Amino acid sequence: MLLAAGRGERMRPLTDTCPKPLLRAGGKMLIEYHLTRLAQAGFSTVVINHAYLGEQIEAALGNGERYDIQILYSAEQGVLETAGGIAKALPLLTDGSMHRPFAIISADIFCQMELSGLRPILQRIQTEAEHTLAHLVLIDNPPHHPEGDFCWNAEQGALAPTIRTGCRKLTFSGIGVYHPALFEHVAPDQAVKLAPLLHAAIAAGKVSGTYYSGTWMDIGTPERLHALDAWLQANRLDMPRSTFPDGENK
C-alpha cells in the first residue's frame, strides 16, 4: 500500500492544485518511482489511499497497467490519519481471515531500497504473527529530524521501548510490513495515528526492524523537491554520501 492521502501543507503552494504524490522530480511523478520499484521487486498489486484531490491520482495512474502492476484505490472522505487509512483499506490488503501481512510505503519519500527484501519479511510475519506484528525499516536521523523515532537493537533486530545498552535512536523511513492484527481495534472510518499502535506493540516486544543505509529522502518541502529534481536530472545516482542534497543520503 502506498500512503497518498495527505494534504501536503508544507508543500504549499505546489499542492494547492496538485496532490503531493503527483508532484514531479526528475521528469516523473513522485509516486511513479514507488510503482516502478514495486513492480521490479515482484509485487503484482498495490493499494493507494487518497483523499485530497484523489480523483487526480486515479486519473493520472489509472489501473496501473503501464507500470506492470495492478492498482486498487481506497478513497477516504475525511481525515483518517495513517492507521485509520490502513484499517479502511484492510479488505483490499489482506485475506478474508485477516491473517496475510502487507507492506506499507509513504508516497512522499524517495528511496532506492531494494523492495524485494520485503518479501521474506512478509513471509516471516505471516508464520510468526504471535511474535511479530510489525517490521520497520529504519534510517539514520536526517538533519530535519535529529531526535529520531524509535530505539533499535541491532543485535536482536528488534525495537525497544526505551534507550538501553546496545540500542540506537533511529528514524522510521516510512517503509514497513504489518500484520492485520495490529489494526484489529481500529474502526474502518476512525481517525487513528499509527505511532501509538507501534509503541504499544514495541512495549509488547512484537516489532522487529532493519537498518537501511542507502539513499533516502523525505520530500516534505518545495526545497527538498527541488533538490531531488536537480539530483535526478543530473543522473548522478552514484553521488557520494557527503554531496547528496541536504546531507540526506545515507
Protein backbone atom coordinates (compact mmCIF):
# COMPACT_ATOMS: atom_id res chain seq x y z
CA MET A 1 0.00 0.00 0.00
CA LEU A 2 1.18 3.49 -0.87
CA LEU A 3 0.00 6.18 1.54
CA ALA A 4 -1.13 9.14 -0.56
CA ALA A 5 -3.98 10.75 1.37
CA GLY A 6 -2.10 13.65 2.96
CA ARG A 7 -2.89 17.27 2.22
CA GLY A 8 0.77 18.27 1.85
CA GLU A 9 0.50 21.50 3.82
CA ARG A 10 4.27 22.03 3.99
CA MET A 11 4.46 21.69 0.20
CA ARG A 12 2.10 24.59 -0.48
CA PRO A 13 1.55 26.39 -2.78
CA LEU A 14 2.56 23.46 -5.04
CA THR A 15 -0.16 21.29 -3.53
CA ASP A 16 -2.93 23.87 -3.80
CA THR A 17 -3.98 22.37 -7.13
CA CYS A 18 -1.97 19.12 -7.31
CA PRO A 19 -1.86 16.23 -4.82
CA LYS A 20 1.62 15.75 -3.37
CA PRO A 21 2.26 12.27 -4.87
CA LEU A 22 1.82 13.69 -8.37
CA LEU A 23 4.47 16.40 -7.98
CA ARG A 24 7.40 15.78 -10.31
CA ALA A 25 11.12 15.28 -9.81
CA GLY A 26 13.49 14.05 -12.47
CA GLY A 27 10.71 14.14 -15.04
CA LYS A 28 8.47 11.66 -13.17
CA MET A 29 5.73 11.91 -10.56
CA LEU A 30 6.98 11.04 -7.07
CA ILE A 31 4.61 8.11 -6.76
CA GLU A 32 5.82 6.62 -10.04
CA TYR A 33 9.21 5.81 -8.54
CA HIS A 34 7.49 3.58 -5.99
CA LEU A 35 5.23 1.89 -8.54
CA THR A 36 8.18 1.07 -10.78
CA ARG A 37 10.29 -0.31 -7.96
CA LEU A 38 7.42 -2.37 -6.55
CA ALA A 39 6.81 -3.96 -9.95
CA GLN A 40 10.53 -4.67 -10.34
CA ALA A 41 10.51 -6.32 -6.90
CA GLY A 42 7.78 -8.74 -7.98
CA PHE A 43 4.75 -7.15 -6.34
CA SER A 44 1.65 -7.56 -8.50
CA THR A 45 -0.90 -5.37 -6.71
CA VAL A 46 -0.71 -2.06 -4.88
CA VAL A 47 -3.42 -0.22 -2.95
CA ILE A 48 -3.30 3.57 -2.96
CA ASN A 49 -5.36 5.55 -0.47
CA HIS A 50 -6.31 9.11 -1.28
CA ALA A 51 -8.47 11.95 -0.03
CA TYR A 52 -7.35 15.43 -1.08
CA LEU A 53 -7.69 15.76 -4.89
CA GLY A 54 -7.85 11.99 -5.06
CA GLU A 55 -9.59 11.99 -8.40
CA GLN A 56 -6.43 13.43 -9.92
CA ILE A 57 -4.42 10.49 -8.60
CA GLU A 58 -6.80 7.97 -10.13
CA ALA A 59 -6.88 9.83 -13.44
CA ALA A 60 -3.08 10.04 -13.60
CA LEU A 61 -2.28 6.44 -12.65
CA GLY A 62 -5.29 4.52 -13.90
CA ASN A 63 -5.35 0.79 -13.24
CA GLY A 64 -1.55 0.56 -13.20
CA GLU A 65 -1.23 -1.31 -16.49
CA ARG A 66 1.56 0.92 -17.81
CA TYR A 67 3.56 0.25 -14.64
CA ASP A 68 3.05 -3.52 -14.96
CA ILE A 69 1.21 -3.58 -11.64
CA GLN A 70 -2.47 -3.60 -10.64
CA ILE A 71 -3.59 -0.50 -8.75
CA LEU A 72 -6.57 -0.54 -6.40
CA TYR A 73 -7.81 2.62 -4.69
CA SER A 74 -9.09 3.28 -1.19
CA ALA A 75 -10.89 6.61 -1.21
CA GLU A 76 -11.22 8.47 2.10
CA GLN A 77 -13.85 11.13 2.66
CA GLY A 78 -12.34 12.63 5.80
CA VAL A 79 -9.03 12.73 7.66
CA LEU A 80 -8.36 9.21 8.93
CA GLU A 81 -4.65 9.53 9.80
CA THR A 82 -2.28 6.70 8.88
CA ALA A 83 -3.65 3.82 10.96
CA GLY A 84 -7.23 4.80 10.16
CA GLY A 85 -6.46 4.82 6.45
CA ILE A 86 -4.80 1.42 6.64
CA ALA A 87 -7.74 -0.02 8.60
CA LYS A 88 -10.17 1.23 5.97
CA ALA A 89 -8.12 -0.44 3.23
CA LEU A 90 -7.76 -3.81 5.02
CA PRO A 91 -10.32 -5.59 2.80
CA LEU A 92 -8.05 -4.77 -0.16
CA LEU A 93 -4.79 -5.54 1.64
CA THR A 94 -5.27 -8.91 3.29
CA ASP A 95 -7.23 -12.15 3.03
CA GLY A 96 -10.70 -12.91 4.35
CA SER A 97 -9.34 -14.33 7.59
CA MET A 98 -7.33 -11.14 8.23
CA HIS A 99 -4.11 -13.14 8.50
CA ARG A 100 -2.00 -12.11 5.50
CA PRO A 101 0.52 -9.29 6.20
CA PHE A 102 1.25 -6.42 3.81
CA ALA A 103 3.85 -3.74 3.12
CA ILE A 104 3.16 -0.02 3.54
CA ILE A 105 5.21 2.77 1.96
CA SER A 106 4.75 6.52 2.34
CA ALA A 107 4.30 8.02 -1.10
CA ASP A 108 6.17 11.20 -0.19
CA ILE A 109 9.62 9.69 0.26
CA PHE A 110 12.31 8.91 -2.30
CA CYS A 111 14.20 5.73 -1.56
CA GLN A 112 16.42 3.37 -3.53
CA MET A 113 15.98 0.42 -1.19
CA GLU A 114 15.63 -2.94 -2.96
CA LEU A 115 11.98 -3.66 -2.18
CA SER A 116 12.28 -7.38 -2.93
CA GLY A 117 13.86 -7.55 0.53
CA LEU A 118 10.37 -7.03 1.97
CA ARG A 119 9.11 -10.34 0.60
CA PRO A 120 10.86 -12.67 3.10
CA ILE A 121 9.75 -10.35 5.89
CA LEU A 122 6.15 -10.70 4.73
CA GLN A 123 6.52 -14.47 4.79
CA ARG A 124 8.10 -14.45 8.25
CA ILE A 125 5.40 -12.28 9.80
CA GLN A 126 2.68 -14.46 8.32
CA THR A 127 4.11 -17.52 10.08
CA GLU A 128 5.09 -15.70 13.29
CA ALA A 129 2.15 -13.37 13.87
CA GLU A 130 2.05 -14.28 17.56
CA HIS A 131 5.59 -12.91 17.89
CA THR A 132 5.74 -10.06 15.35
CA LEU A 133 3.03 -7.55 14.43
CA ALA A 134 5.22 -5.12 12.50
CA HIS A 135 8.64 -4.72 10.93
CA LEU A 136 10.01 -1.22 10.35
CA VAL A 137 12.81 -0.07 8.06
CA LEU A 138 14.91 2.46 9.97
CA ILE A 139 17.42 5.04 8.76
CA ASP A 140 19.94 7.47 10.23
CA ASN A 141 18.32 10.59 11.64
CA PRO A 142 18.16 13.25 8.89
CA PRO A 143 19.02 16.89 9.64
CA HIS A 144 15.36 17.90 9.87
CA HIS A 145 14.58 15.10 12.38
CA PRO A 146 17.67 14.74 14.59
CA GLU A 147 15.88 13.14 17.56
CA GLY A 148 14.74 10.07 15.63
CA ASP A 149 11.64 7.98 16.25
CA PHE A 150 12.43 4.54 17.69
CA CYS A 151 15.10 2.71 19.66
CA TRP A 152 16.64 -0.14 17.69
CA ASN A 153 18.70 -3.03 18.99
CA ALA A 154 20.95 -4.15 16.13
CA GLU A 155 21.98 -7.40 17.81
CA GLN A 156 18.39 -8.52 18.38
CA GLY A 157 16.94 -6.89 15.25
CA ALA A 158 14.13 -5.58 17.43
CA LEU A 159 12.74 -2.23 18.56
CA ALA A 160 12.87 -1.33 22.23
CA PRO A 161 10.52 0.97 24.19
CA THR A 162 13.40 2.99 25.65
CA ILE A 163 17.08 3.61 25.04
CA ARG A 164 19.14 0.87 26.63
CA THR A 165 22.57 -0.70 26.20
CA GLY A 166 23.14 -1.69 22.59
CA CYS A 167 20.28 0.46 21.24
CA ARG A 168 20.33 3.35 18.79
CA LYS A 169 17.67 6.02 18.24
CA LEU A 170 16.83 5.95 14.53
CA THR A 171 14.20 7.45 12.23
CA PHE A 172 11.34 5.50 10.69
CA SER A 173 11.77 5.50 6.91
CA GLY A 174 8.07 5.29 6.11
CA ILE A 175 8.54 1.70 4.88
CA GLY A 176 7.14 -1.14 6.97
CA VAL A 177 5.46 -4.52 6.98
CA TYR A 178 2.38 -5.08 9.14
CA HIS A 179 0.11 -7.86 10.27
CA PRO A 180 -3.62 -7.02 10.16
CA ALA A 181 -3.90 -7.86 13.86
CA LEU A 182 -2.09 -4.59 14.63
CA PHE A 183 -5.22 -2.76 13.45
CA GLU A 184 -7.88 -5.08 14.85
CA HIS A 185 -9.24 -2.44 17.24
CA VAL A 186 -9.33 0.39 14.69
CA ALA A 187 -12.75 1.02 13.15
CA PRO A 188 -12.68 1.47 9.33
CA ASP A 189 -13.76 5.12 9.48
CA GLN A 190 -11.99 6.10 12.70
CA ALA A 191 -9.13 8.63 12.65
CA VAL A 192 -6.19 6.91 14.36
CA LYS A 193 -2.49 7.65 14.24
CA LEU A 194 -0.02 4.83 13.61
CA ALA A 195 2.61 5.78 16.22
CA PRO A 196 0.58 4.83 19.34
CA LEU A 197 -0.17 1.39 17.88
CA LEU A 198 3.51 0.85 17.14
CA HIS A 199 4.62 2.00 20.58
CA ALA A 200 2.16 -0.42 22.22
CA ALA A 201 3.40 -3.28 20.03
CA ILE A 202 7.03 -2.34 20.78
CA ALA A 203 6.31 -2.42 24.51
CA ALA A 204 4.89 -5.93 23.99
CA GLY A 205 8.07 -6.96 22.18
CA LYS A 206 6.30 -7.53 18.86
CA VAL A 207 8.09 -5.15 16.47
CA SER A 208 11.25 -6.03 14.57
CA GLY A 209 13.34 -3.75 12.41
CA THR A 210 16.18 -3.43 9.95
CA TYR A 211 18.57 -0.58 9.28
CA TYR A 212 18.83 0.84 5.75
CA SER A 213 21.94 2.84 4.88
CA GLY A 214 21.22 3.71 1.25
CA THR A 215 19.66 6.71 -0.46
CA TRP A 216 16.56 8.06 1.28
CA MET A 217 14.91 11.47 1.26
CA ASP A 218 11.73 12.86 2.78
CA ILE A 219 10.17 15.06 0.10
CA GLY A 220 8.37 17.26 2.60
CA THR A 221 9.04 20.77 1.34
CA PRO A 222 9.40 22.56 -2.03
CA GLU A 223 13.11 22.97 -1.28
CA ARG A 224 13.63 19.22 -0.89
CA LEU A 225 11.59 18.55 -4.02
CA HIS A 226 13.79 20.97 -5.96
CA ALA A 227 16.95 19.36 -4.55
CA LEU A 228 15.76 15.89 -5.54
CA ASP A 229 14.79 17.10 -9.00
CA ALA A 230 18.21 18.63 -9.58
CA TRP A 231 19.91 15.46 -8.35
CA LEU A 232 17.85 13.17 -10.55
CA GLN A 233 18.13 15.41 -13.61
CA ALA A 234 21.89 15.22 -13.32
CA ASN A 235 21.69 11.39 -13.35
CA ARG A 236 24.33 11.23 -10.67
CA LEU A 237 22.92 8.19 -8.88
CA ASP A 238 26.41 7.22 -7.74
CA MET A 239 26.82 10.53 -5.93
CA PRO A 240 28.84 10.03 -2.74
CA ARG A 241 27.17 10.40 0.62
CA SER A 242 28.61 13.80 1.50
CA THR A 243 27.23 15.53 -1.58
CA PHE A 244 23.62 14.33 -1.60
CA PRO A 245 21.10 17.19 -1.24
CA ASP A 246 20.67 18.35 2.36
CA GLY A 247 23.07 15.64 3.51
CA GLU A 248 20.23 13.11 3.44
CA ASN A 249 21.98 10.36 1.52
CA LYS A 250 22.67 7.52 3.92
